[in-house]
Amino acid sequence: MLTIYLFESSGGIPHCFPQFGPGPMQQHGFARNVNWSIADSEVTEGDPAVTLELKDDSYSRSMWDFSFQALYKVSLHSTSLSTTLKITNMDDKPFSFNSALHTYFRASIAGVSVKGLKGCKTLNKDPDPKNPLEGKEEREGVTFPGFVDCIYLGAPSQLILDNGLGDKIAISNSSWSDAVLWNPHQQMEACYKDFVCVENAKIETVQLEPKQSWVAEQKIELV
């Protein structure tokens, strides 16, 4: 069974938008901390899907003064989950953003490994998140022996997660050009052994002209 932890109150796969990580606004932006509305729902051959919508309001504009629409479609299947995020510039001026899907997977952290990142440029945020160390991933499988907070630039379109519980999970995507691995280790002593974050991300800034859209998809599937 594919299990994604609901660790944050904003949802099962919290959105980092319009900012990833620390910056001029609150950590990871505002999209994970607000209510989205239901724009559509459907069932196709027994598989449910729902589309959520987020628009600018006085709260978002107090941090990021632009008009936008975010549509987020989630589709459930027997052994997989698919998401599509569409960001549209509804303003009369261009804006820029970056984003990530902050996905928590149930895991036994001592046995976790992530394959597919060898050769990627890394920005290691341990020990100083504000001054990440540049490097290159040399391992076939990335493990989690302690605190891990690392950005992988130019990540491939598919990663394979071994969750340490006997499951192998393929994480595929389009337009999410980067990846982030995170486990807080003893910073969250009560629960760190039971989850791992493997995130699709867009670290490089996306710029949208008025009425332009950016679309990114992912599929999480047992293999």
Protein backbone atom coordinates (compact mmCIF):
# COMPACT_ATOMS: atom_id res chain seq x y z
CA MET A 1 0.00 0.00 0.00
CA LEU A 2 1.30 3.45 -0.95
CA THR A 3 1.38 5.62 2.19
CA ILE A 4 2.11 9.34 2.20
CA TYR A 5 2.21 10.91 5.65
CA LEU A 6 -0.03 13.86 6.45
CA PHE A 7 2.57 15.64 8.56
CA GLU A 8 1.51 19.22 7.95
CA SER A 9 -1.90 20.76 8.46
CA SER A 10 -1.98 22.21 4.94
CA GLY A 11 -2.29 18.80 3.30
CA GLY A 12 -0.76 15.45 2.43
CA ILE A 13 1.72 16.93 -0.03
CA PRO A 14 2.31 20.49 1.22
CA HIS A 15 3.01 23.08 -1.48
CA CYS A 16 6.06 25.31 -1.39
CA PHE A 17 4.88 28.34 -3.38
CA PRO A 18 5.77 31.01 -4.40
CA GLN A 19 9.01 30.54 -2.48
CA PHE A 20 11.09 27.50 -1.64
CA GLY A 21 12.94 27.56 1.66
CA PRO A 22 13.79 30.69 3.64
CA GLY A 23 13.46 34.08 1.95
CA PRO A 24 11.63 37.39 2.10
CA MET A 25 8.34 35.76 3.17
CA GLN A 26 7.47 32.93 5.56
CA GLN A 27 9.27 29.60 5.19
CA HIS A 28 8.25 27.86 1.93
CA GLY A 29 5.76 30.59 1.02
CA PHE A 30 2.07 30.76 1.87
CA ALA A 31 0.34 28.11 -0.26
CA ARG A 32 0.70 25.33 2.33
CA ASN A 33 -0.82 27.47 5.10
CA VAL A 34 -4.11 28.53 3.50
CA ASN A 35 -7.39 26.92 2.47
CA TRP A 36 -7.79 25.85 -1.16
CA SER A 37 -11.26 25.57 -2.72
CA ILE A 38 -12.59 22.61 -4.70
CA ALA A 39 -12.78 23.55 -8.37
CA ASP A 40 -13.76 20.16 -9.80
CA SER A 41 -14.09 16.46 -8.98
CA GLU A 42 -14.62 13.39 -11.12
CA VAL A 43 -14.47 9.60 -11.14
CA THR A 44 -13.04 7.88 -14.21
CA GLU A 45 -13.24 4.07 -14.38
CA GLY A 46 -13.53 3.99 -10.61
CA ASP A 47 -10.54 6.25 -9.99
CA PRO A 48 -11.33 9.52 -8.20
CA ALA A 49 -9.75 12.89 -8.96
CA VAL A 50 -10.15 16.31 -7.42
CA THR A 51 -8.92 19.72 -8.60
CA LEU A 52 -8.18 22.35 -5.98
CA GLU A 53 -7.83 26.07 -6.64
CA LEU A 54 -5.94 28.86 -4.91
CA LYS A 55 -6.17 32.54 -5.84
CA ASP A 56 -4.57 35.66 -4.46
CA ASP A 57 -6.23 37.51 -1.61
CA SER A 58 -5.27 40.17 0.91
CA TYR A 59 -3.25 37.64 2.92
CA SER A 60 -1.14 36.48 -0.05
CA ARG A 61 -0.76 40.02 -1.35
CA SER A 62 0.62 41.15 1.99
CA MET A 63 3.64 38.95 1.17
CA TRP A 64 3.58 38.68 -2.61
CA ASP A 65 1.66 41.41 -4.42
CA PHE A 66 0.51 39.61 -7.57
CA SER A 67 -2.70 38.18 -8.98
CA PHE A 68 -2.42 34.45 -9.74
CA GLN A 69 -4.34 31.22 -10.03
CA ALA A 70 -3.00 27.85 -8.86
CA LEU A 71 -4.83 24.68 -9.90
CA TYR A 72 -3.78 21.40 -8.30
CA LYS A 73 -5.26 18.13 -9.55
CA VAL A 74 -4.82 14.92 -7.57
CA SER A 75 -5.76 11.57 -9.12
CA LEU A 76 -5.86 8.32 -7.14
CA HIS A 77 -5.32 4.86 -8.62
CA SER A 78 -4.92 1.43 -7.04
CA THR A 79 -1.11 1.59 -6.79
CA SER A 80 -0.32 5.20 -7.67
CA LEU A 81 -1.08 8.85 -7.08
CA SER A 82 -0.71 11.55 -9.75
CA THR A 83 -0.63 15.32 -9.34
CA THR A 84 -0.67 18.26 -11.73
CA LEU A 85 0.14 21.78 -10.58
CA LYS A 86 -0.70 24.69 -12.91
CA ILE A 87 0.32 28.25 -12.02
CA THR A 88 -1.16 31.07 -14.13
CA ASN A 89 -0.21 34.74 -14.04
CA MET A 90 -3.51 36.63 -13.77
CA ASP A 91 -1.79 39.98 -13.28
CA ASP A 92 -0.94 42.73 -15.78
CA LYS A 93 2.76 42.48 -14.92
CA PRO A 94 5.25 39.58 -14.94
CA PHE A 95 6.11 37.67 -11.79
CA SER A 96 8.62 35.02 -10.77
CA PHE A 97 8.47 32.15 -8.28
CA ASN A 98 9.90 28.81 -7.33
CA SER A 99 8.10 25.80 -5.94
CA ALA A 100 8.25 22.27 -4.57
CA LEU A 101 5.96 19.48 -3.42
CA HIS A 102 7.03 18.71 0.14
CA THR A 103 6.09 15.01 0.12
CA TYR A 104 6.41 12.87 3.26
CA PHE A 105 6.61 9.08 2.81
CA ARG A 106 6.16 6.51 5.57
CA ALA A 107 9.53 4.83 6.03
CA SER A 108 12.01 3.11 8.29
CA ILE A 109 14.77 5.67 7.97
CA ALA A 110 17.61 3.26 8.77
CA GLY A 111 16.75 1.26 5.64
CA VAL A 112 15.87 4.10 3.26
CA SER A 113 17.73 4.72 0.02
CA VAL A 114 17.02 6.91 -3.00
CA LYS A 115 18.45 5.95 -6.39
CA GLY A 116 18.80 8.05 -9.54
CA LEU A 117 20.65 11.11 -8.25
CA LYS A 118 24.25 10.11 -9.02
CA GLY A 119 26.02 12.85 -10.96
CA CYS A 120 23.65 15.65 -9.91
CA LYS A 121 24.97 18.96 -8.61
CA THR A 122 24.15 19.22 -4.92
CA LEU A 123 23.43 22.13 -2.61
CA ASN A 124 23.91 20.68 0.86
CA LYS A 125 22.10 22.77 3.47
CA ASP A 126 23.76 21.00 6.38
CA PRO A 127 25.14 22.64 8.48
CA ASP A 128 24.13 26.14 7.28
CA PRO A 129 20.83 26.44 5.35
CA LYS A 130 21.66 30.01 4.31
CA ASN A 131 25.01 29.01 2.79
CA PRO A 132 24.60 25.59 1.15
CA LEU A 133 27.76 23.75 0.15
CA GLU A 134 28.04 22.95 -3.56
CA GLY A 135 29.06 19.45 -4.55
CA LYS A 136 28.29 16.46 -6.74
CA GLU A 137 26.44 13.30 -5.78
CA GLU A 138 28.72 10.28 -6.18
CA ARG A 139 26.52 7.61 -4.61
CA GLU A 140 24.29 5.18 -6.49
CA GLY A 141 21.90 5.19 -3.56
CA VAL A 142 21.55 8.07 -1.11
CA THR A 143 21.02 6.96 2.49
CA PHE A 144 20.04 8.78 5.69
CA PRO A 145 22.52 8.01 8.49
CA GLY A 146 21.88 11.40 10.13
CA PHE A 147 20.45 14.83 9.36
CA VAL A 148 19.87 15.30 5.60
CA ASP A 149 18.75 18.50 3.86
CA CYS A 150 20.06 18.55 0.31
CA ILE A 151 18.95 20.03 -3.02
CA TYR A 152 19.75 18.14 -6.24
CA LEU A 153 19.85 20.35 -9.33
CA GLY A 154 19.07 18.85 -12.72
CA ALA A 155 17.53 15.72 -11.22
CA PRO A 156 16.28 13.00 -13.57
CA SER A 157 12.63 12.53 -14.40
CA GLN A 158 12.39 9.42 -12.22
CA LEU A 159 13.77 8.46 -8.80
CA ILE A 160 13.37 5.15 -6.99
CA LEU A 161 12.70 5.24 -3.26
CA ASP A 162 13.24 2.17 -1.09
CA ASN A 163 11.30 3.07 2.03
CA GLY A 164 13.02 0.49 4.26
CA LEU A 165 9.70 -1.29 4.81
CA GLY A 166 9.84 -3.57 1.79
CA ASP A 167 8.37 -1.13 -0.74
CA LYS A 168 9.99 0.39 -3.80
CA ILE A 169 8.34 3.54 -5.08
CA ALA A 170 8.92 5.23 -8.44
CA ILE A 171 8.65 9.02 -8.30
CA SER A 172 8.31 10.34 -11.85
CA ASN A 173 7.77 13.89 -13.04
CA SER A 174 7.73 16.43 -15.82
CA SER A 175 8.83 20.08 -15.39
CA TRP A 176 9.99 19.52 -11.81
CA SER A 177 13.65 19.93 -12.76
CA ASP A 178 15.15 19.41 -9.29
CA ALA A 179 14.77 17.25 -6.18
CA VAL A 180 15.13 17.70 -2.43
CA LEU A 181 15.88 15.04 0.18
CA TRP A 182 15.16 15.78 3.83
CA ASN A 183 15.06 14.06 7.17
CA PRO A 184 15.48 16.09 10.36
CA HIS A 185 17.07 13.27 12.39
CA GLN A 186 17.13 14.17 16.08
CA GLN A 187 15.73 17.65 15.48
CA MET A 188 12.39 15.76 15.44
CA GLU A 189 13.39 12.93 17.74
CA ALA A 190 9.85 11.63 18.30
CA CYS A 191 9.15 10.79 14.65
CA TYR A 192 12.19 11.10 12.34
CA LYS A 193 12.70 7.33 12.14
CA ASP A 194 9.26 6.87 10.58
CA PHE A 195 9.34 9.12 7.49
CA VAL A 196 11.45 10.53 4.70
CA CYS A 197 10.88 13.50 2.38
CA VAL A 198 11.62 13.03 -1.32
CA GLU A 199 10.46 16.18 -3.04
CA ASN A 200 9.98 17.25 -6.62
CA ALA A 201 11.10 20.87 -6.89
CA LYS A 202 11.71 23.80 -9.18
CA ILE A 203 14.58 25.66 -7.55
CA GLU A 204 15.49 27.77 -10.57
CA THR A 205 13.18 30.77 -10.76
CA VAL A 206 10.22 30.51 -13.13
CA GLN A 207 9.15 33.80 -14.71
CA LEU A 208 5.65 34.15 -16.14
CA GLU A 209 4.39 36.98 -18.30
CA PRO A 210 0.76 38.06 -17.94
CA LYS A 211 -1.66 35.21 -18.84
CA GLN A 212 1.18 32.68 -19.13
CA SER A 213 1.04 29.36 -17.26
CA TRP A 214 3.54 26.84 -15.91
CA VAL A 215 2.52 23.18 -15.51
CA ALA A 216 4.34 20.43 -13.61
CA GLU A 217 3.26 16.82 -13.14
CA GLN A 218 4.32 13.95 -10.92
CA LYS A 219 3.39 10.30 -10.47
CA ILE A 220 4.11 8.27 -7.36
CA GLU A 221 3.77 4.54 -7.97
CA LEU A 222 4.60 1.23 -6.31
CA VAL A 223 6.93 -0.85 -8.49
